[in-house]
Amino acid sequence: MNFTQTPESPYYVAIFTTQRNIKPNDGYDKMSEKIGELVKGQPGFIGMESVRDEAGQGITACYWEDLKSIEAWKQNASHQKAQTLGIQEWYKDYYLRIAKVERDYGTV
């Protein structure tokens, strides 16, 4: 995994935790790739880190400059379609948390 190079704080993070319904060829991987490319063009988007284990539990951290940018992404039509499919088809459980990053540090 590549770590996102974040700006000086403060900035925001949307943390999306999920438990997938594992169904082969259900369209999830294709949609995930499409949304992952689409989000890169969104104003205020900084970067994203995502992991998923073999049991289908995943965590995605999506970094943003401000809350306005997160709200705009939430309203994106393609993203809304993916959200609907996620709720109806792909996720047993999910949770979204929005947080303001006040401080960060690391070796990267």
PDB file of N, CA and C in Angstrom:
ATOM      1  N   MET A   1       0.844  -1.173   0.000  1.00  0.00           N
ATOM      2  CA  MET A   1       0.000   0.000   0.000  1.00  0.00           C
ATOM      3  C   MET A   1       0.890   1.237   0.000  1.00  0.00           C
ATOM      4  N   ASN A   2       0.515   2.203  -0.796  1.00  0.00           N
ATOM      5  CA  ASN A   2       1.195   3.496  -0.795  1.00  0.00           C
ATOM      6  C   ASN A   2       0.491   4.425   0.182  1.00  0.00           C
ATOM      7  N   PHE A   3       1.277   5.112   1.006  1.00  0.00           N
ATOM      8  CA  PHE A   3       0.698   6.065   1.939  1.00  0.00           C
ATOM      9  C   PHE A   3       0.438   7.382   1.232  1.00  0.00           C
ATOM     10  N   THR A   4      -0.675   8.013   1.575  1.00  0.00           N
ATOM     11  CA  THR A   4      -1.028   9.307   1.017  1.00  0.00           C
ATOM     12  C   THR A   4      -0.141  10.387   1.624  1.00  0.00           C
ATOM     13  N   GLN A   5       0.401  11.227   0.777  1.00  0.00           N
ATOM     14  CA  GLN A   5       1.171  12.370   1.240  1.00  0.00           C
ATOM     15  C   GLN A   5       0.183  13.490   1.548  1.00  0.00           C
ATOM     16  N   THR A   6      -0.077  13.704   2.814  1.00  0.00           N
ATOM     17  CA  THR A   6      -1.070  14.684   3.230  1.00  0.00           C
ATOM     18  C   THR A   6      -0.424  16.045   3.464  1.00  0.00           C
ATOM     19  N   PRO A   7      -1.230  17.099   3.349  1.00  0.00           N
ATOM     20  CA  PRO A   7      -0.706  18.447   3.586  1.00  0.00           C
ATOM     21  C   PRO A   7      -0.561  18.701   5.080  1.00  0.00           C
ATOM     22  N   GLU A   8      -0.071  19.871   5.408  1.00  0.00           N
ATOM     23  CA  GLU A   8      -0.028  20.274   6.804  1.00  0.00           C
ATOM     24  C   GLU A   8      -1.463  20.313   7.333  1.00  0.00           C
ATOM     25  N   SER A   9      -1.662  19.815   8.536  1.00  0.00           N
ATOM     26  CA  SER A   9      -3.000  19.807   9.113  1.00  0.00           C
ATOM     27  C   SER A   9      -3.407  21.237   9.490  1.00  0.00           C
ATOM     28  N   PRO A  10      -4.717  21.465   9.560  1.00  0.00           N
ATOM     29  CA  PRO A  10      -5.793  20.486   9.547  1.00  0.00           C
ATOM     30  C   PRO A  10      -6.270  20.149   8.124  1.00  0.00           C
ATOM     31  N   TYR A  11      -6.797  18.956   8.016  1.00  0.00           N
ATOM     32  CA  TYR A  11      -7.501  18.481   6.827  1.00  0.00           C
ATOM     33  C   TYR A  11      -8.500  17.440   7.333  1.00  0.00           C
ATOM     34  N   TYR A  12      -9.233  16.810   6.454  1.00  0.00           N
ATOM     35  CA  TYR A  12     -10.291  15.902   6.876  1.00  0.00           C
ATOM     36  C   TYR A  12     -10.079  14.505   6.306  1.00  0.00           C
ATOM     37  N   VAL A  13     -10.661  13.531   6.978  1.00  0.00           N
ATOM     38  CA  VAL A  13     -10.614  12.155   6.508  1.00  0.00           C
ATOM     39  C   VAL A  13     -12.003  11.533   6.646  1.00  0.00           C
ATOM     40  N   ALA A  14     -12.412  10.844   5.594  1.00  0.00           N
ATOM     41  CA  ALA A  14     -13.622  10.025   5.625  1.00  0.00           C
ATOM     42  C   ALA A  14     -13.141   8.580   5.733  1.00  0.00           C
ATOM     43  N   ILE A  15     -13.523   7.921   6.817  1.00  0.00           N
ATOM     44  CA  ILE A  15     -13.094   6.542   7.070  1.00  0.00           C
ATOM     45  C   ILE A  15     -14.294   5.637   6.844  1.00  0.00           C
ATOM     46  N   PHE A  16     -14.168   4.756   5.859  1.00  0.00           N
ATOM     47  CA  PHE A  16     -15.261   3.882   5.458  1.00  0.00           C
ATOM     48  C   PHE A  16     -14.869   2.450   5.801  1.00  0.00           C
ATOM     49  N   THR A  17     -15.538   1.854   6.786  1.00  0.00           N
ATOM     50  CA  THR A  17     -15.275   0.463   7.158  1.00  0.00           C
ATOM     51  C   THR A  17     -16.434  -0.388   6.661  1.00  0.00           C
ATOM     52  N   THR A  18     -16.097  -1.546   6.118  1.00  0.00           N
ATOM     53  CA  THR A  18     -17.114  -2.393   5.504  1.00  0.00           C
ATOM     54  C   THR A  18     -16.865  -3.878   5.766  1.00  0.00           C
ATOM     55  N   GLN A  19     -17.939  -4.623   5.702  1.00  0.00           N
ATOM     56  CA  GLN A  19     -17.875  -6.082   5.660  1.00  0.00           C
ATOM     57  C   GLN A  19     -18.584  -6.501   4.381  1.00  0.00           C
ATOM     58  N   ARG A  20     -17.823  -7.040   3.440  1.00  0.00           N
ATOM     59  CA  ARG A  20     -18.356  -7.400   2.126  1.00  0.00           C
ATOM     60  C   ARG A  20     -19.163  -8.679   2.150  1.00  0.00           C
ATOM     61  N   ASN A  21     -20.188  -8.713   1.312  1.00  0.00           N
ATOM     62  CA  ASN A  21     -20.800  -9.970   0.891  1.00  0.00           C
ATOM     63  C   ASN A  21     -19.892 -10.487  -0.216  1.00  0.00           C
ATOM     64  N   ILE A  22     -19.264 -11.601  -0.009  1.00  0.00           N
ATOM     65  CA  ILE A  22     -18.337 -12.115  -1.009  1.00  0.00           C
ATOM     66  C   ILE A  22     -19.125 -12.923  -2.040  1.00  0.00           C
ATOM     67  N   LYS A  23     -19.263 -12.345  -3.224  1.00  0.00           N
ATOM     68  CA  LYS A  23     -19.958 -12.986  -4.332  1.00  0.00           C
ATOM     69  C   LYS A  23     -19.079 -12.802  -5.568  1.00  0.00           C
ATOM     70  N   PRO A  24     -18.602 -13.874  -6.157  1.00  0.00           N
ATOM     71  CA  PRO A  24     -17.754 -13.734  -7.353  1.00  0.00           C
ATOM     72  C   PRO A  24     -18.488 -13.019  -8.483  1.00  0.00           C
ATOM     73  N   ASN A  25     -17.768 -12.199  -9.200  1.00  0.00           N
ATOM     74  CA  ASN A  25     -18.293 -11.530 -10.395  1.00  0.00           C
ATOM     75  C   ASN A  25     -19.553 -10.711 -10.134  1.00  0.00           C
ATOM     76  N   ASP A  26     -19.597 -10.029  -8.988  1.00  0.00           N
ATOM     77  CA  ASP A  26     -20.778  -9.233  -8.656  1.00  0.00           C
ATOM     78  C   ASP A  26     -20.660  -7.770  -9.091  1.00  0.00           C
ATOM     79  N   GLY A  27     -19.567  -7.426  -9.763  1.00  0.00           N
ATOM     80  CA  GLY A  27     -19.391  -6.077 -10.267  1.00  0.00           C
ATOM     81  C   GLY A  27     -18.696  -5.134  -9.307  1.00  0.00           C
ATOM     82  N   TYR A  28     -18.405  -5.598  -8.094  1.00  0.00           N
ATOM     83  CA  TYR A  28     -17.801  -4.736  -7.083  1.00  0.00           C
ATOM     84  C   TYR A  28     -16.418  -4.238  -7.505  1.00  0.00           C
ATOM     85  N   ASP A  29     -15.567  -5.134  -7.938  1.00  0.00           N
ATOM     86  CA  ASP A  29     -14.197  -4.738  -8.285  1.00  0.00           C
ATOM     87  C   ASP A  29     -14.178  -3.710  -9.411  1.00  0.00           C
ATOM     88  N   LYS A  30     -15.014  -3.901 -10.409  1.00  0.00           N
ATOM     89  CA  LYS A  30     -15.081  -2.961 -11.522  1.00  0.00           C
ATOM     90  C   LYS A  30     -15.558  -1.590 -11.053  1.00  0.00           C
ATOM     91  N   MET A  31     -16.604  -1.558 -10.228  1.00  0.00           N
ATOM     92  CA  MET A  31     -17.115  -0.291  -9.724  1.00  0.00           C
ATOM     93  C   MET A  31     -16.101   0.370  -8.801  1.00  0.00           C
ATOM     94  N   SER A  32     -15.453  -0.410  -7.973  1.00  0.00           N
ATOM     95  CA  SER A  32     -14.447   0.131  -7.060  1.00  0.00           C
ATOM     96  C   SER A  32     -13.315   0.808  -7.830  1.00  0.00           C
ATOM     97  N   GLU A  33     -12.880   0.175  -8.895  1.00  0.00           N
ATOM     98  CA  GLU A  33     -11.827   0.761  -9.739  1.00  0.00           C
ATOM     99  C   GLU A  33     -12.313   2.059 -10.394  1.00  0.00           C
ATOM    100  N   LYS A  34     -13.537   2.045 -10.904  1.00  0.00           N
ATOM    101  CA  LYS A  34     -14.110   3.231 -11.546  1.00  0.00           C
ATOM    102  C   LYS A  34     -14.212   4.394 -10.562  1.00  0.00           C
ATOM    103  N   ILE A  35     -14.745   4.128  -9.377  1.00  0.00           N
ATOM    104  CA  ILE A  35     -14.910   5.174  -8.367  1.00  0.00           C
ATOM    105  C   ILE A  35     -13.544   5.666  -7.889  1.00  0.00           C
ATOM    106  N   GLY A  36     -12.596   4.739  -7.734  1.00  0.00           N
ATOM    107  CA  GLY A  36     -11.244   5.115  -7.321  1.00  0.00           C
ATOM    108  C   GLY A  36     -10.577   6.074  -8.290  1.00  0.00           C
ATOM    109  N   GLU A  37     -10.837   5.904  -9.574  1.00  0.00           N
ATOM    110  CA  GLU A  37     -10.287   6.825 -10.583  1.00  0.00           C
ATOM    111  C   GLU A  37     -11.065   8.142 -10.608  1.00  0.00           C
ATOM    112  N   LEU A  38     -12.371   8.045 -10.479  1.00  0.00           N
ATOM    113  CA  LEU A  38     -13.222   9.234 -10.528  1.00  0.00           C
ATOM    114  C   LEU A  38     -12.935  10.197  -9.377  1.00  0.00           C
ATOM    115  N   VAL A  39     -12.741   9.664  -8.181  1.00  0.00           N
ATOM    116  CA  VAL A  39     -12.532  10.512  -7.006  1.00  0.00           C
ATOM    117  C   VAL A  39     -11.255  11.346  -7.140  1.00  0.00           C
ATOM    118  N   LYS A  40     -10.282  10.848  -7.857  1.00  0.00           N
ATOM    119  CA  LYS A  40      -9.013  11.572  -8.013  1.00  0.00           C
ATOM    120  C   LYS A  40      -9.199  12.935  -8.679  1.00  0.00           C
ATOM    121  N   GLY A  41     -10.254  13.095  -9.459  1.00  0.00           N
ATOM    122  CA  GLY A  41     -10.517  14.350 -10.141  1.00  0.00           C
ATOM    123  C   GLY A  41     -11.401  15.313  -9.360  1.00  0.00           C
ATOM    124  N   GLN A  42     -11.801  14.926  -8.161  1.00  0.00           N
ATOM    125  CA  GLN A  42     -12.697  15.759  -7.369  1.00  0.00           C
ATOM    126  C   GLN A  42     -11.951  16.906  -6.695  1.00  0.00           C
ATOM    127  N   PRO A  43     -12.487  18.116  -6.779  1.00  0.00           N
ATOM    128  CA  PRO A  43     -11.869  19.242  -6.063  1.00  0.00           C
ATOM    129  C   PRO A  43     -11.779  18.937  -4.567  1.00  0.00           C
ATOM    130  N   GLY A  44     -10.634  19.217  -3.982  1.00  0.00           N
ATOM    131  CA  GLY A  44     -10.426  19.005  -2.559  1.00  0.00           C
ATOM    132  C   GLY A  44      -9.917  17.629  -2.185  1.00  0.00           C
ATOM    133  N   PHE A  45      -9.887  16.698  -3.148  1.00  0.00           N
ATOM    134  CA  PHE A  45      -9.400  15.341  -2.866  1.00  0.00           C
ATOM    135  C   PHE A  45      -7.885  15.375  -2.673  1.00  0.00           C
ATOM    136  N   ILE A  46      -7.405  14.723  -1.616  1.00  0.00           N
ATOM    137  CA  ILE A  46      -5.975  14.656  -1.336  1.00  0.00           C
ATOM    138  C   ILE A  46      -5.409  13.282  -1.686  1.00  0.00           C
ATOM    139  N   GLY A  47      -6.075  12.236  -1.258  1.00  0.00           N
ATOM    140  CA  GLY A  47      -5.585  10.884  -1.520  1.00  0.00           C
ATOM    141  C   GLY A  47      -6.402   9.861  -0.765  1.00  0.00           C
ATOM    142  N   MET A  48      -6.053   8.580  -0.982  1.00  0.00           N
ATOM    143  CA  MET A  48      -6.843   7.502  -0.412  1.00  0.00           C
ATOM    144  C   MET A  48      -5.937   6.319  -0.096  1.00  0.00           C
ATOM    145  N   GLU A  49      -6.255   5.634   0.997  1.00  0.00           N
ATOM    146  CA  GLU A  49      -5.595   4.392   1.380  1.00  0.00           C
ATOM    147  C   GLU A  49      -6.687   3.366   1.650  1.00  0.00           C
ATOM    148  N   SER A  50      -6.496   2.142   1.179  1.00  0.00           N
ATOM    149  CA  SER A  50      -7.546   1.147   1.323  1.00  0.00           C
ATOM    150  C   SER A  50      -6.946  -0.254   1.485  1.00  0.00           C
ATOM    151  N   VAL A  51      -7.533  -1.036   2.389  1.00  0.00           N
ATOM    152  CA  VAL A  51      -7.131  -2.427   2.588  1.00  0.00           C
ATOM    153  C   VAL A  51      -8.379  -3.283   2.789  1.00  0.00           C
ATOM    154  N   ARG A  52      -8.276  -4.559   2.418  1.00  0.00           N
ATOM    155  CA  ARG A  52      -9.358  -5.517   2.637  1.00  0.00           C
ATOM    156  C   ARG A  52      -8.729  -6.878   2.911  1.00  0.00           C
ATOM    157  N   ASP A  53      -9.258  -7.578   3.919  1.00  0.00           N
ATOM    158  CA  ASP A  53      -8.715  -8.901   4.227  1.00  0.00           C
ATOM    159  C   ASP A  53      -9.488  -9.993   3.486  1.00  0.00           C
ATOM    160  N   GLU A  54      -9.034 -11.234   3.640  1.00  0.00           N
ATOM    161  CA  GLU A  54      -9.645 -12.364   2.920  1.00  0.00           C
ATOM    162  C   GLU A  54     -11.088 -12.623   3.342  1.00  0.00           C
ATOM    163  N   ALA A  55     -11.449 -12.218   4.561  1.00  0.00           N
ATOM    164  CA  ALA A  55     -12.812 -12.415   5.043  1.00  0.00           C
ATOM    165  C   ALA A  55     -13.759 -11.315   4.561  1.00  0.00           C
ATOM    166  N   GLY A  56     -13.207 -10.309   3.851  1.00  0.00           N
ATOM    167  CA  GLY A  56     -14.039  -9.260   3.282  1.00  0.00           C
ATOM    168  C   GLY A  56     -14.157  -8.001   4.108  1.00  0.00           C
ATOM    169  N   GLN A  57     -13.454  -7.930   5.245  1.00  0.00           N
ATOM    170  CA  GLN A  57     -13.497  -6.708   6.047  1.00  0.00           C
ATOM    171  C   GLN A  57     -12.513  -5.703   5.466  1.00  0.00           C
ATOM    172  N   GLY A  58     -12.993  -4.467   5.255  1.00  0.00           N
ATOM    173  CA  GLY A  58     -12.150  -3.453   4.634  1.00  0.00           C
ATOM    174  C   GLY A  58     -12.219  -2.117   5.341  1.00  0.00           C
ATOM    175  N   ILE A  59     -11.156  -1.348   5.151  1.00  0.00           N
ATOM    176  CA  ILE A  59     -11.086   0.015   5.668  1.00  0.00           C
ATOM    177  C   ILE A  59     -10.509   0.896   4.562  1.00  0.00           C
ATOM    178  N   THR A  60     -11.207   1.970   4.253  1.00  0.00           N
ATOM    179  CA  THR A  60     -10.727   2.958   3.292  1.00  0.00           C
ATOM    180  C   THR A  60     -10.702   4.310   3.986  1.00  0.00           C
ATOM    181  N   ALA A  61      -9.553   4.960   3.919  1.00  0.00           N
ATOM    182  CA  ALA A  61      -9.410   6.321   4.445  1.00  0.00           C
ATOM    183  C   ALA A  61      -9.233   7.242   3.244  1.00  0.00           C
ATOM    184  N   CYS A  62     -10.137   8.182   3.104  1.00  0.00           N
ATOM    185  CA  CYS A  62     -10.108   9.121   1.982  1.00  0.00           C
ATOM    186  C   CYS A  62      -9.886  10.522   2.550  1.00  0.00           C
ATOM    187  N   TYR A  63      -8.804  11.159   2.136  1.00  0.00           N
ATOM    188  CA  TYR A  63      -8.385  12.438   2.702  1.00  0.00           C
ATOM    189  C   TYR A  63      -8.862  13.604   1.838  1.00  0.00           C
ATOM    190  N   TRP A  64      -9.334  14.669   2.520  1.00  0.00           N
ATOM    191  CA  TRP A  64      -9.935  15.817   1.856  1.00  0.00           C
ATOM    192  C   TRP A  64      -9.450  17.119   2.474  1.00  0.00           C
ATOM    193  N   GLU A  65      -9.460  18.167   1.666  1.00  0.00           N
ATOM    194  CA  GLU A  65      -9.053  19.485   2.143  1.00  0.00           C
ATOM    195  C   GLU A  65     -10.056  20.084   3.123  1.00  0.00           C
ATOM    196  N   ASP A  66     -11.364  19.826   2.896  1.00  0.00           N
ATOM    197  CA  ASP A  66     -12.388  20.458   3.722  1.00  0.00           C
ATOM    198  C   ASP A  66     -13.690  19.664   3.658  1.00  0.00           C
ATOM    199  N   LEU A  67     -14.620  20.020   4.529  1.00  0.00           N
ATOM    200  CA  LEU A  67     -15.918  19.337   4.581  1.00  0.00           C
ATOM    201  C   LEU A  67     -16.754  19.576   3.329  1.00  0.00           C
ATOM    202  N   LYS A  68     -16.630  20.764   2.749  1.00  0.00           N
ATOM    203  CA  LYS A  68     -17.367  21.091   1.526  1.00  0.00           C
ATOM    204  C   LYS A  68     -17.012  20.097   0.405  1.00  0.00           C
ATOM    205  N   SER A  69     -15.754  19.719   0.302  1.00  0.00           N
ATOM    206  CA  SER A  69     -15.314  18.763  -0.721  1.00  0.00           C
ATOM    207  C   SER A  69     -15.889  17.378  -0.471  1.00  0.00           C
ATOM    208  N   ILE A  70     -15.962  16.977   0.777  1.00  0.00           N
ATOM    209  CA  ILE A  70     -16.554  15.675   1.118  1.00  0.00           C
ATOM    210  C   ILE A  70     -18.031  15.663   0.732  1.00  0.00           C
ATOM    211  N   GLU A  71     -18.732  16.738   1.042  1.00  0.00           N
ATOM    212  CA  GLU A  71     -20.159  16.827   0.710  1.00  0.00           C
ATOM    213  C   GLU A  71     -20.379  16.797  -0.804  1.00  0.00           C
ATOM    214  N   ALA A  72     -19.534  17.493  -1.542  1.00  0.00           N
ATOM    215  CA  ALA A  72     -19.646  17.489  -3.011  1.00  0.00           C
ATOM    216  C   ALA A  72     -19.443  16.074  -3.557  1.00  0.00           C
ATOM    217  N   TRP A  73     -18.496  15.341  -3.011  1.00  0.00           N
ATOM    218  CA  TRP A  73     -18.254  13.965  -3.457  1.00  0.00           C
ATOM    219  C   TRP A  73     -19.450  13.080  -3.128  1.00  0.00           C
ATOM    220  N   LYS A  74     -20.043  13.290  -1.970  1.00  0.00           N
ATOM    221  CA  LYS A  74     -21.227  12.521  -1.580  1.00  0.00           C
ATOM    222  C   LYS A  74     -22.355  12.712  -2.588  1.00  0.00           C
ATOM    223  N   GLN A  75     -22.441  13.887  -3.202  1.00  0.00           N
ATOM    224  CA  GLN A  75     -23.511  14.205  -4.152  1.00  0.00           C
ATOM    225  C   GLN A  75     -23.206  13.768  -5.587  1.00  0.00           C
ATOM    226  N   ASN A  76     -21.995  13.309  -5.857  1.00  0.00           N
ATOM    227  CA  ASN A  76     -21.610  12.877  -7.200  1.00  0.00           C
ATOM    228  C   ASN A  76     -22.503  11.709  -7.641  1.00  0.00           C
ATOM    229  N   ALA A  77     -23.084  11.798  -8.836  1.00  0.00           N
ATOM    230  CA  ALA A  77     -24.054  10.804  -9.313  1.00  0.00           C
ATOM    231  C   ALA A  77     -23.464   9.392  -9.394  1.00  0.00           C
ATOM    232  N   SER A  78     -22.260   9.255  -9.909  1.00  0.00           N
ATOM    233  CA  SER A  78     -21.633   7.927  -9.997  1.00  0.00           C
ATOM    234  C   SER A  78     -21.353   7.367  -8.610  1.00  0.00           C
ATOM    235  N   HIS A  79     -20.921   8.230  -7.708  1.00  0.00           N
ATOM    236  CA  HIS A  79     -20.676   7.797  -6.338  1.00  0.00           C
ATOM    237  C   HIS A  79     -21.983   7.378  -5.663  1.00  0.00           C
ATOM    238  N   GLN A  80     -23.063   8.111  -5.923  1.00  0.00           N
ATOM    239  CA  GLN A  80     -24.364   7.741  -5.355  1.00  0.00           C
ATOM    240  C   GLN A  80     -24.828   6.377  -5.867  1.00  0.00           C
ATOM    241  N   LYS A  81     -24.572   6.095  -7.138  1.00  0.00           N
ATOM    242  CA  LYS A  81     -24.925   4.783  -7.697  1.00  0.00           C
ATOM    243  C   LYS A  81     -24.136   3.687  -6.984  1.00  0.00           C
ATOM    244  N   ALA A  82     -22.845   3.915  -6.764  1.00  0.00           N
ATOM    245  CA  ALA A  82     -22.013   2.943  -6.057  1.00  0.00           C
ATOM    246  C   ALA A  82     -22.497   2.761  -4.614  1.00  0.00           C
ATOM    247  N   GLN A  83     -22.898   3.852  -3.972  1.00  0.00           N
ATOM    248  CA  GLN A  83     -23.417   3.770  -2.602  1.00  0.00           C
ATOM    249  C   GLN A  83     -24.668   2.894  -2.553  1.00  0.00           C
ATOM    250  N   THR A  84     -25.565   3.114  -3.474  1.00  0.00           N
ATOM    251  CA  THR A  84     -26.806   2.340  -3.523  1.00  0.00           C
ATOM    252  C   THR A  84     -26.514   0.861  -3.731  1.00  0.00           C
ATOM    253  N   LEU A  85     -25.643   0.547  -4.681  1.00  0.00           N
ATOM    254  CA  LEU A  85     -25.282  -0.856  -4.921  1.00  0.00           C
ATOM    255  C   LEU A  85     -24.590  -1.461  -3.709  1.00  0.00           C
ATOM    256  N   GLY A  86     -23.768  -0.666  -3.045  1.00  0.00           N
ATOM    257  CA  GLY A  86     -23.100  -1.150  -1.838  1.00  0.00           C
ATOM    258  C   GLY A  86     -24.098  -1.563  -0.775  1.00  0.00           C
ATOM    259  N   ILE A  87     -25.075  -0.720  -0.531  1.00  0.00           N
ATOM    260  CA  ILE A  87     -26.093  -1.005   0.486  1.00  0.00           C
ATOM    261  C   ILE A  87     -26.947  -2.208   0.080  1.00  0.00           C
ATOM    262  N   GLN A  88     -27.332  -2.272  -1.201  1.00  0.00           N
ATOM    263  CA  GLN A  88     -28.232  -3.326  -1.664  1.00  0.00           C
ATOM    264  C   GLN A  88     -27.538  -4.663  -1.916  1.00  0.00           C
ATOM    265  N   GLU A  89     -26.286  -4.618  -2.392  1.00  0.00           N
ATOM    266  CA  GLU A  89     -25.647  -5.838  -2.890  1.00  0.00           C
ATOM    267  C   GLU A  89     -24.338  -6.231  -2.209  1.00  0.00           C
ATOM    268  N   TRP A  90     -23.466  -5.266  -1.970  1.00  0.00           N
ATOM    269  CA  TRP A  90     -22.070  -5.590  -1.688  1.00  0.00           C
ATOM    270  C   TRP A  90     -21.676  -5.648  -0.235  1.00  0.00           C
ATOM    271  N   TYR A  91     -22.379  -4.952   0.649  1.00  0.00           N
ATOM    272  CA  TYR A  91     -21.948  -4.876   2.042  1.00  0.00           C
ATOM    273  C   TYR A  91     -22.945  -5.520   2.995  1.00  0.00           C
ATOM    274  N   LYS A  92     -22.445  -6.385   3.868  1.00  0.00           N
ATOM    275  CA  LYS A  92     -23.261  -6.892   4.973  1.00  0.00           C
ATOM    276  C   LYS A  92     -23.433  -5.762   5.985  1.00  0.00           C
ATOM    277  N   ASP A  93     -22.330  -5.085   6.265  1.00  0.00           N
ATOM    278  CA  ASP A  93     -22.320  -3.972   7.215  1.00  0.00           C
ATOM    279  C   ASP A  93     -21.365  -2.905   6.700  1.00  0.00           C
ATOM    280  N   TYR A  94     -21.636  -1.663   7.073  1.00  0.00           N
ATOM    281  CA  TYR A  94     -20.719  -0.574   6.733  1.00  0.00           C
ATOM    282  C   TYR A  94     -20.875   0.548   7.744  1.00  0.00           C
ATOM    283  N   TYR A  95     -19.865   1.374   7.832  1.00  0.00           N
ATOM    284  CA  TYR A  95     -19.898   2.534   8.716  1.00  0.00           C
ATOM    285  C   TYR A  95     -19.011   3.606   8.122  1.00  0.00           C
ATOM    286  N   LEU A  96     -19.458   4.848   8.170  1.00  0.00           N
ATOM    287  CA  LEU A  96     -18.678   5.974   7.668  1.00  0.00           C
ATOM    288  C   LEU A  96     -18.440   6.946   8.814  1.00  0.00           C
ATOM    289  N   ARG A  97     -17.193   7.350   8.956  1.00  0.00           N
ATOM    290  CA  ARG A  97     -16.824   8.342   9.973  1.00  0.00           C
ATOM    291  C   ARG A  97     -16.085   9.473   9.286  1.00  0.00           C
ATOM    292  N   ILE A  98     -16.435  10.696   9.640  1.00  0.00           N
ATOM    293  CA  ILE A  98     -15.761  11.881   9.113  1.00  0.00           C
ATOM    294  C   ILE A  98     -15.025  12.525  10.284  1.00  0.00           C
ATOM    295  N   ALA A  99     -13.744  12.819  10.090  1.00  0.00           N
ATOM    296  CA  ALA A  99     -12.953  13.392  11.178  1.00  0.00           C
ATOM    297  C   ALA A  99     -12.033  14.501  10.658  1.00  0.00           C
ATOM    298  N   LYS A 100     -11.764  15.442  11.539  1.00  0.00           N
ATOM    299  CA  LYS A 100     -10.802  16.492  11.250  1.00  0.00           C
ATOM    300  C   LYS A 100      -9.452  16.048  11.797  1.00  0.00           C
ATOM    301  N   VAL A 101      -8.443  16.061  10.958  1.00  0.00           N
ATOM    302  CA  VAL A 101      -7.098  15.689  11.384  1.00  0.00           C
ATOM    303  C   VAL A 101      -6.412  16.945  11.911  1.00  0.00           C
ATOM    304  N   GLU A 102      -6.113  16.923  13.173  1.00  0.00           N
ATOM    305  CA  GLU A 102      -5.473  18.072  13.830  1.00  0.00           C
ATOM    306  C   GLU A 102      -3.942  17.969  13.809  1.00  0.00           C
ATOM    307  N   ARG A 103      -3.464  16.717  13.766  1.00  0.00           N
ATOM    308  CA  ARG A 103      -2.028  16.492  13.851  1.00  0.00           C
ATOM    309  C   ARG A 103      -1.724  15.163  13.184  1.00  0.00           C
ATOM    310  N   ASP A 104      -0.579  15.069  12.536  1.00  0.00           N
ATOM    311  CA  ASP A 104      -0.127  13.797  11.997  1.00  0.00           C
ATOM    312  C   ASP A 104       1.398  13.770  11.982  1.00  0.00           C
ATOM    313  N   TYR A 105       1.939  12.576  11.973  1.00  0.00           N
ATOM    314  CA  TYR A 105       3.387  12.406  11.876  1.00  0.00           C
ATOM    315  C   TYR A 105       3.668  10.974  11.483  1.00  0.00           C
ATOM    316  N   GLY A 106       4.849  10.711  10.992  1.00  0.00           N
ATOM    317  CA  GLY A 106       5.235   9.371  10.594  1.00  0.00           C
ATOM    318  C   GLY A 106       6.590   9.365   9.925  1.00  0.00           C
ATOM    319  N   THR A 107       6.930   8.260   9.325  1.00  0.00           N
ATOM    320  CA  THR A 107       8.240   8.099   8.711  1.00  0.00           C
ATOM    321  C   THR A 107       8.229   8.302   7.207  1.00  0.00           C
ATOM    322  N   VAL A 108       7.060   8.507   6.650  1.00  0.00           N
ATOM    323  CA  VAL A 108       6.958   8.634   5.194  1.00  0.00           C
ATOM    324  C   VAL A 108       7.242  10.045   4.763  1.00  0.00           C
TER     325      VAL A 108
END
